[in-house]
Amino acid sequence: MAAHLIVLFLFSVLKGVHSITTVSKVSVKAGKSISIPCLYHYQYRDHVKNLCEGYFWKFCRYAVKTNEADPSGKYLISDDKKQRTFTVTINHLTNQNTHYWCGMEMNSSDTGVYFQLLVTNGTPSLYVDHQRITGYIGENITIRCHHSSSGEMKWCRLGRNCVTGSSGSIDGTTLTAHMSEPNVFTVTMSGLKSENTGWYWCAKGDIQIPVYLNVTEKFNTTTTLTTISITSHAVAGNGKLTTMEQWNNFTIVENKQHRASFPPKILIIPLSVLIVIVIVVLFIWFILRHKKSKAESSATAMVSYTDCFSPLWAWYMILKKIGKVHHRANFHNDSLRMF
C-alpha cells in the first residue's frame, strides 16, 4: 500500500514537472523588473495559472493569478493561449524576491515548476541589452548576452532545442554564435519567419536570461527606442474582469511608420499663386470702390449746381414774362394812337 502511494506521488510530481516548462535560475538587478515565461501544454490553455512565492511548493503563497490580480501592482500575469505561455512579471525587485513557482490549477490539485531569482545590487552575472526585441521577416537579428560567470554558452527556444556550438538552427532558422568581445556572447538569427516569434533564453553555465522575440512584417519604418507595454487581464475582487497595464523597464526596438513630409520648395509655387490672386482681387476691389465714389461725388455736385442756380432761373422767367407784358402794353398804346 505504501509503495502504491509512493508511485502515485512520483507520478503526480513528474506530471506537474512536464506540464510546465520555464527557466531555472535568473540573475537580476535590485530595483528592476523581470519577466519569466512559463510554457504549458495545449490541453491546459483554459486552466487558471498563477505565480506562487516560497521555497517549498506545498507552503508557497499565491502572488498573482490569471483570475485574481495583485492589488499592489508588484506582480503581473498574462496568458497567451495561442503561444501556450503565461508570463509572470515581478517589479521593484528586492533581495527577498528569490524563490518562485510557475503554477497551474489541475483537476485534482495545483502543480508548479520552481525557478530562482538571484537578486544583486551590482551587475547581474548574465543579462541582455533588451529582454524584449523585434525582428522583421526575412531579415537577421542579433542578441548580445553579457556574462561574467563560467560555463557553457547556450541559446535555446523555450520548450524546444538549444544551440551550443558556433552554428545551428532552431525551427529551420539558421543561427550563428560567437564571442564578439570579452564577456559578450553574440547570437545572430538569419532569415527570420513569423513562426520564430516566442520566448528564448540565453544561458551561461546554470544561469539563464529569457528573451522574447517578436517577428513582424517590415513597413517603411524608423527605428526608435521605446518602453514596452504589457496588458494583463485579471478578475478583481468584485468578480469583474479588469485590465491591468504594465510598463516594463525594458527598452526595445519598435516600428513606426514614416509620417508624410513635404519639401518646403513644393509649397512655394502654390503660395506665390495665392498671393498674386489676393493682390489682383484687392486691386479690382479698389478700382470699383474708386469708381463708385467718383460717381457719387458727381451726382452730389450736379444736385448742388442745380440748387445754386434755381433761384436765378426763377427770377429770369419772371422778368421775361414782365417784359412780354410790357411789350404788349406798348403795342396796344401805339395802336390806339393810330386811330
Protein backbone atom coordinates (compact mmCIF):
# COMPACT_ATOMS: atom_id res chain seq x y z
CA MET A 1 0.00 0.00 0.00
CA ALA A 2 2.83 2.38 0.91
CA ALA A 3 4.65 1.54 -2.31
CA HIS A 4 1.47 2.28 -4.27
CA LEU A 5 1.16 5.72 -2.65
CA ILE A 6 4.79 6.49 -3.40
CA VAL A 7 4.29 5.59 -7.07
CA LEU A 8 1.22 7.84 -7.28
CA PHE A 9 3.12 10.70 -5.61
CA LEU A 10 6.07 10.38 -8.01
CA PHE A 11 3.69 10.21 -10.98
CA SER A 12 1.91 13.39 -9.91
CA VAL A 13 5.23 15.22 -9.40
CA LEU A 14 6.56 14.14 -12.80
CA LYS A 15 3.25 15.05 -14.41
CA GLY A 16 3.45 18.54 -12.90
CA VAL A 17 7.07 18.98 -13.99
CA HIS A 18 6.27 18.06 -17.59
CA SER A 19 3.09 20.17 -17.67
CA ILE A 20 5.05 23.45 -17.32
CA THR A 21 8.45 24.46 -18.71
CA THR A 22 10.41 27.53 -17.61
CA VAL A 23 13.92 28.74 -16.80
CA SER A 24 15.53 27.60 -13.55
CA LYS A 25 17.88 30.37 -12.36
CA VAL A 26 17.98 34.05 -13.40
CA SER A 27 20.36 36.79 -12.30
CA VAL A 28 18.65 40.19 -11.88
CA LYS A 29 19.42 43.67 -10.56
CA ALA A 30 17.68 45.02 -7.46
CA GLY A 31 15.07 47.67 -8.17
CA LYS A 32 14.46 46.47 -11.73
CA SER A 33 11.78 44.20 -13.23
CA ILE A 34 11.96 40.74 -14.74
CA SER A 35 9.52 38.74 -16.86
CA ILE A 36 9.53 34.95 -16.66
CA PRO A 37 7.75 32.82 -19.30
CA CYS A 38 6.01 29.59 -18.32
CA LEU A 39 5.18 27.25 -21.22
CA TYR A 40 2.33 24.76 -20.77
CA HIS A 41 0.64 22.01 -22.76
CA TYR A 42 -2.21 22.89 -25.10
CA GLN A 43 -4.70 20.86 -23.04
CA TYR A 44 -4.25 23.32 -20.12
CA ARG A 45 -4.97 26.52 -22.05
CA ASP A 46 -8.21 27.18 -20.13
CA HIS A 47 -6.79 26.36 -16.69
CA VAL A 48 -6.08 29.08 -14.12
CA LYS A 49 -2.39 29.95 -13.95
CA ASN A 50 -0.53 31.54 -11.05
CA LEU A 51 2.75 32.71 -9.59
CA CYS A 52 3.48 31.22 -6.19
CA GLU A 53 6.16 32.64 -3.87
CA GLY A 54 8.14 30.44 -1.46
CA TYR A 55 10.90 27.86 -1.34
CA PHE A 56 8.55 24.88 -0.85
CA TRP A 57 5.69 24.28 -3.24
CA LYS A 58 3.42 22.97 -0.50
CA PHE A 59 3.82 26.13 1.60
CA CYS A 60 4.17 28.84 -1.07
CA ARG A 61 1.67 31.70 -1.24
CA TYR A 62 -0.09 32.91 -4.37
CA ALA A 63 1.36 36.21 -5.52
CA VAL A 64 -0.97 36.61 -8.50
CA LYS A 65 -3.39 34.52 -10.57
CA THR A 66 -4.85 34.90 -14.07
CA ASN A 67 -8.26 35.30 -12.43
CA GLU A 68 -7.11 37.40 -9.48
CA ALA A 69 -4.92 40.49 -9.82
CA ASP A 70 -2.32 41.65 -7.33
CA PRO A 71 -3.69 44.95 -5.96
CA SER A 72 -0.19 46.22 -5.14
CA GLY A 73 0.92 46.00 -8.78
CA LYS A 74 4.19 44.30 -7.87
CA TYR A 75 3.18 41.08 -9.61
CA LEU A 76 1.58 40.82 -13.04
CA ILE A 77 0.49 37.83 -15.07
CA SER A 78 -0.73 37.42 -18.66
CA ASP A 79 -1.74 34.30 -20.57
CA ASP A 80 -1.03 33.95 -24.30
CA LYS A 81 -3.15 30.92 -25.18
CA LYS A 82 -2.01 30.95 -28.80
CA GLN A 83 1.63 30.62 -27.76
CA ARG A 84 0.63 28.40 -24.78
CA THR A 85 2.67 30.61 -22.49
CA PHE A 86 1.76 32.58 -19.42
CA THR A 87 4.20 35.29 -18.40
CA VAL A 88 4.75 36.49 -14.85
CA THR A 89 6.42 39.83 -14.17
CA ILE A 90 7.94 40.88 -10.87
CA ASN A 91 8.53 44.61 -10.40
CA HIS A 92 10.75 46.52 -7.95
CA LEU A 93 12.94 43.52 -7.18
CA THR A 94 14.48 43.17 -3.71
CA ASN A 95 16.80 40.64 -2.10
CA GLN A 96 13.73 38.92 -0.62
CA ASN A 97 12.30 38.16 -4.07
CA THR A 98 14.12 34.88 -4.58
CA HIS A 99 12.02 31.68 -4.69
CA TYR A 100 9.03 31.31 -7.03
CA TRP A 101 6.90 28.75 -8.82
CA CYS A 102 5.09 28.86 -12.15
CA GLY A 103 1.82 27.27 -11.05
CA MET A 104 -1.33 25.96 -12.64
CA GLU A 105 -4.60 24.59 -11.30
CA MET A 106 -5.21 20.98 -12.27
CA ASN A 107 -8.34 18.91 -11.89
CA SER A 108 -7.23 17.29 -8.63
CA SER A 109 -4.59 19.70 -7.30
CA ASP A 110 -2.28 22.50 -8.35
CA THR A 111 1.08 21.85 -9.97
CA GLY A 112 4.12 24.07 -10.34
CA VAL A 113 7.70 24.37 -11.55
CA TYR A 114 10.33 26.14 -9.47
CA PHE A 115 12.63 28.98 -10.57
CA GLN A 116 15.09 31.08 -8.58
CA LEU A 117 15.98 34.75 -8.85
CA LEU A 118 19.49 35.84 -7.88
CA VAL A 119 18.96 39.49 -6.96
CA THR A 120 22.12 41.60 -6.83
CA ASN A 121 22.86 45.26 -6.19
CA GLY A 122 25.63 45.17 -8.78
CA THR A 123 25.74 43.92 -12.36
CA PRO A 124 23.92 40.61 -12.97
CA SER A 125 26.16 37.69 -13.90
CA LEU A 126 24.17 37.21 -17.13
CA TYR A 127 21.99 39.80 -18.86
CA VAL A 128 20.91 41.03 -22.31
CA ASP A 129 20.59 44.55 -23.68
CA HIS A 130 16.81 44.19 -24.11
CA GLN A 131 14.62 41.42 -22.76
CA ARG A 132 12.03 42.05 -25.49
CA ILE A 133 13.14 42.58 -29.08
CA THR A 134 11.50 42.95 -32.51
CA GLY A 135 12.74 41.39 -35.75
CA TYR A 136 11.48 41.53 -39.34
CA ILE A 137 10.51 38.70 -41.65
CA GLY A 138 13.37 37.74 -43.97
CA GLU A 139 15.96 39.77 -42.08
CA ASN A 140 18.53 39.00 -39.39
CA ILE A 141 18.60 39.88 -35.71
CA THR A 142 21.47 39.85 -33.23
CA ILE A 143 21.24 39.30 -29.48
CA ARG A 144 24.11 40.13 -27.15
CA CYS A 145 24.40 38.10 -23.96
CA HIS A 146 26.69 39.76 -21.39
CA HIS A 147 28.19 37.39 -18.85
CA SER A 148 30.72 37.29 -16.04
CA SER A 149 30.35 33.66 -14.99
CA SER A 150 31.95 30.50 -16.34
CA GLY A 151 30.32 27.58 -18.09
CA GLU A 152 28.94 26.56 -21.45
CA MET A 153 27.08 29.13 -23.55
CA LYS A 154 23.67 28.19 -24.97
CA TRP A 155 20.90 29.78 -26.99
CA CYS A 156 17.60 27.91 -26.68
CA ARG A 157 13.96 28.27 -27.55
CA LEU A 158 11.71 27.67 -24.56
CA GLY A 159 10.43 24.10 -24.69
CA ARG A 160 12.47 23.23 -27.80
CA ASN A 161 16.06 22.65 -28.84
CA CYS A 162 19.26 24.53 -27.96
CA VAL A 163 22.32 25.56 -29.96
CA THR A 164 25.60 25.18 -28.06
CA GLY A 165 28.21 25.49 -30.79
CA SER A 166 29.10 28.25 -33.21
CA SER A 167 26.24 27.40 -35.58
CA GLY A 168 22.98 25.52 -35.76
CA SER A 169 19.27 26.04 -36.40
CA ILE A 170 16.05 26.46 -34.43
CA ASP A 171 12.71 25.90 -36.21
CA GLY A 172 14.53 25.97 -39.55
CA THR A 173 16.13 29.36 -38.89
CA THR A 174 19.92 29.49 -39.22
CA LEU A 175 21.78 30.57 -36.13
CA THR A 176 25.40 31.58 -35.59
CA ALA A 177 27.06 32.31 -32.26
CA HIS A 178 30.46 33.69 -31.32
CA MET A 179 32.31 35.74 -28.74
CA SER A 180 32.23 39.19 -30.35
CA GLU A 181 34.18 40.76 -27.48
CA PRO A 182 35.31 39.78 -23.99
CA ASN A 183 32.38 38.62 -21.82
CA VAL A 184 29.86 39.12 -24.65
CA PHE A 185 28.28 36.14 -26.38
CA THR A 186 26.60 37.20 -29.65
CA VAL A 187 23.80 35.22 -31.30
CA THR A 188 22.57 36.01 -34.83
CA MET A 189 19.36 34.54 -36.26
CA SER A 190 19.13 34.78 -40.06
CA GLY A 191 16.12 34.72 -42.39
CA LEU A 192 13.51 35.30 -39.71
CA LYS A 193 10.00 33.88 -40.12
CA SER A 194 6.78 34.73 -38.33
CA GLU A 195 6.85 31.37 -36.54
CA ASN A 196 10.10 32.42 -34.87
CA THR A 197 8.03 34.65 -32.58
CA GLY A 198 8.26 33.41 -28.99
CA TRP A 199 10.38 33.08 -25.88
CA TYR A 200 14.07 32.14 -25.99
CA TRP A 201 16.78 32.07 -23.34
CA CYS A 202 20.48 32.66 -23.24
CA ALA A 203 22.49 30.55 -20.79
CA LYS A 204 25.95 30.66 -19.32
CA GLY A 205 26.57 27.68 -17.06
CA ASP A 206 23.48 27.25 -14.88
CA ILE A 207 22.30 30.87 -15.21
CA GLN A 208 19.67 31.83 -17.82
CA ILE A 209 18.04 35.02 -19.04
CA PRO A 210 14.76 34.85 -21.02
CA VAL A 211 14.34 36.91 -24.21
CA TYR A 212 11.09 37.48 -26.11
CA LEU A 213 11.41 37.80 -29.90
CA ASN A 214 8.53 39.31 -31.89
CA VAL A 215 8.86 38.78 -35.66
CA THR A 216 6.68 41.01 -37.84
CA GLU A 217 6.37 42.48 -41.33
CA LYS A 218 8.61 45.43 -42.06
CA PHE A 219 6.98 48.59 -43.37
CA ASN A 220 8.52 51.96 -44.17
CA THR A 221 9.84 52.43 -40.68
CA THR A 222 12.20 54.27 -38.45
CA THR A 223 13.95 52.65 -35.53
CA THR A 224 13.25 54.24 -32.17
CA LEU A 225 13.70 53.26 -28.56
CA THR A 226 10.56 52.96 -26.50
CA THR A 227 9.15 51.24 -23.47
CA ILE A 228 7.02 48.18 -23.99
CA SER A 229 3.57 47.88 -22.51
CA ILE A 230 2.11 44.54 -21.46
CA THR A 231 -1.60 44.30 -20.87
CA SER A 232 -2.66 41.73 -18.32
CA HIS A 233 -6.23 40.65 -17.75
CA ALA A 234 -7.35 39.57 -14.33
CA VAL A 235 -10.51 39.26 -12.29
CA ALA A 236 -10.66 41.73 -9.40
CA GLY A 237 -12.20 41.03 -6.03
CA ASN A 238 -15.64 42.15 -7.19
CA GLY A 239 -15.66 39.45 -9.87
CA LYS A 240 -15.39 41.88 -12.78
CA LEU A 241 -12.81 41.43 -15.49
CA THR A 242 -10.30 44.23 -15.31
CA THR A 243 -7.36 45.18 -17.48
CA MET A 244 -4.04 46.00 -15.89
CA GLU A 245 -1.33 47.62 -17.95
CA GLN A 246 2.31 47.23 -17.02
CA TRP A 247 5.10 49.38 -18.29
CA ASN A 248 8.26 47.32 -18.10
CA ASN A 249 11.64 48.89 -17.58
CA PHE A 250 12.90 47.30 -20.77
CA THR A 251 13.80 49.32 -23.84
CA ILE A 252 13.04 47.73 -27.19
CA VAL A 253 13.21 48.49 -30.89
CA GLU A 254 9.84 49.48 -32.24
CA ASN A 255 8.49 50.15 -35.72
CA LYS A 256 6.79 53.41 -36.58
CA GLN A 257 5.52 54.34 -40.00
CA HIS A 258 7.03 57.41 -41.62
CA ARG A 259 4.78 60.40 -41.47
CA ALA A 260 4.45 62.12 -44.85
CA SER A 261 6.85 65.01 -45.14
CA PHE A 262 6.95 67.54 -47.95
CA PRO A 263 9.97 69.60 -49.09
CA PRO A 264 9.42 73.31 -48.43
CA LYS A 265 10.10 74.12 -52.13
CA ILE A 266 6.88 72.34 -53.16
CA LEU A 267 4.84 74.89 -51.20
CA ILE A 268 6.48 77.97 -52.77
CA ILE A 269 4.52 77.88 -56.08
CA PRO A 270 1.04 77.48 -54.53
CA LEU A 271 1.77 80.22 -52.02
CA SER A 272 3.00 82.56 -54.77
CA VAL A 273 -0.13 81.96 -56.87
CA LEU A 274 -2.31 82.57 -53.83
CA ILE A 275 -0.54 85.87 -53.08
CA VAL A 276 -0.96 87.05 -56.71
CA ILE A 277 -4.68 86.19 -56.64
CA VAL A 278 -5.16 88.12 -53.41
CA ILE A 279 -3.34 91.17 -54.84
CA VAL A 280 -5.46 91.12 -58.06
CA VAL A 281 -8.69 90.80 -56.07
CA LEU A 282 -7.69 93.71 -53.84
CA PHE A 283 -6.76 95.85 -56.87
CA ILE A 284 -10.10 95.20 -58.61
CA TRP A 285 -11.96 95.93 -55.41
CA PHE A 286 -10.07 99.23 -55.03
CA ILE A 287 -10.85 100.30 -58.65
CA LEU A 288 -14.55 99.50 -58.28
CA ARG A 289 -14.74 101.34 -54.99
CA HIS A 290 -12.96 104.36 -56.50
CA LYS A 291 -15.40 104.50 -59.46
CA LYS A 292 -18.38 104.23 -57.17
CA SER A 293 -17.07 107.06 -55.01
CA LYS A 294 -16.45 109.22 -58.09
CA ALA A 295 -19.98 108.62 -59.42
CA GLU A 296 -21.49 109.52 -56.07
CA SER A 297 -19.35 112.71 -55.97
CA SER A 298 -20.53 113.75 -59.50
CA ALA A 299 -24.18 113.22 -58.62
CA THR A 300 -23.76 115.31 -55.48
CA ALA A 301 -22.07 118.10 -57.43
CA MET A 302 -24.85 118.20 -60.03
CA VAL A 303 -27.50 118.48 -57.36
CA SER A 304 -25.56 121.27 -55.72
CA TYR A 305 -25.19 123.14 -59.03
CA THR A 306 -28.94 122.97 -59.77
CA ASP A 307 -29.77 124.08 -56.25
CA CYS A 308 -27.50 127.10 -56.57
CA PHE A 309 -28.94 128.40 -59.91
CA SER A 310 -32.61 127.55 -59.45
CA PRO A 311 -33.46 130.96 -57.79
CA LEU A 312 -31.75 132.86 -60.60
CA TRP A 313 -33.67 130.88 -63.17
CA ALA A 314 -36.93 131.62 -61.45
CA TRP A 315 -36.15 135.39 -61.49
CA TYR A 316 -35.19 135.16 -65.12
CA MET A 317 -38.54 133.62 -66.05
CA ILE A 318 -40.42 136.26 -64.04
CA LEU A 319 -38.53 139.07 -65.69
CA LYS A 320 -39.11 137.56 -69.09
CA LYS A 321 -42.88 137.43 -68.51
CA ILE A 322 -42.85 141.06 -67.28
CA GLY A 323 -41.01 142.05 -70.41
CA LYS A 324 -43.63 140.35 -72.60
CA VAL A 325 -46.43 142.09 -70.75
CA HIS A 326 -44.71 145.46 -71.10
CA HIS A 327 -44.19 144.85 -74.79
CA ARG A 328 -47.85 144.02 -75.29
CA ALA A 329 -48.90 147.21 -73.42
CA ASN A 330 -46.72 149.35 -75.64
CA PHE A 331 -48.10 147.73 -78.73
CA HIS A 332 -51.66 148.42 -77.58
CA ASN A 333 -50.93 152.11 -76.90
CA ASP A 334 -49.39 152.51 -80.32
CA SER A 335 -52.48 151.05 -81.95
CA LEU A 336 -54.77 153.48 -80.15
CA ARG A 337 -52.75 156.46 -81.30
CA MET A 338 -53.15 155.43 -84.89
CA PHE A 339 -56.89 155.78 -84.59
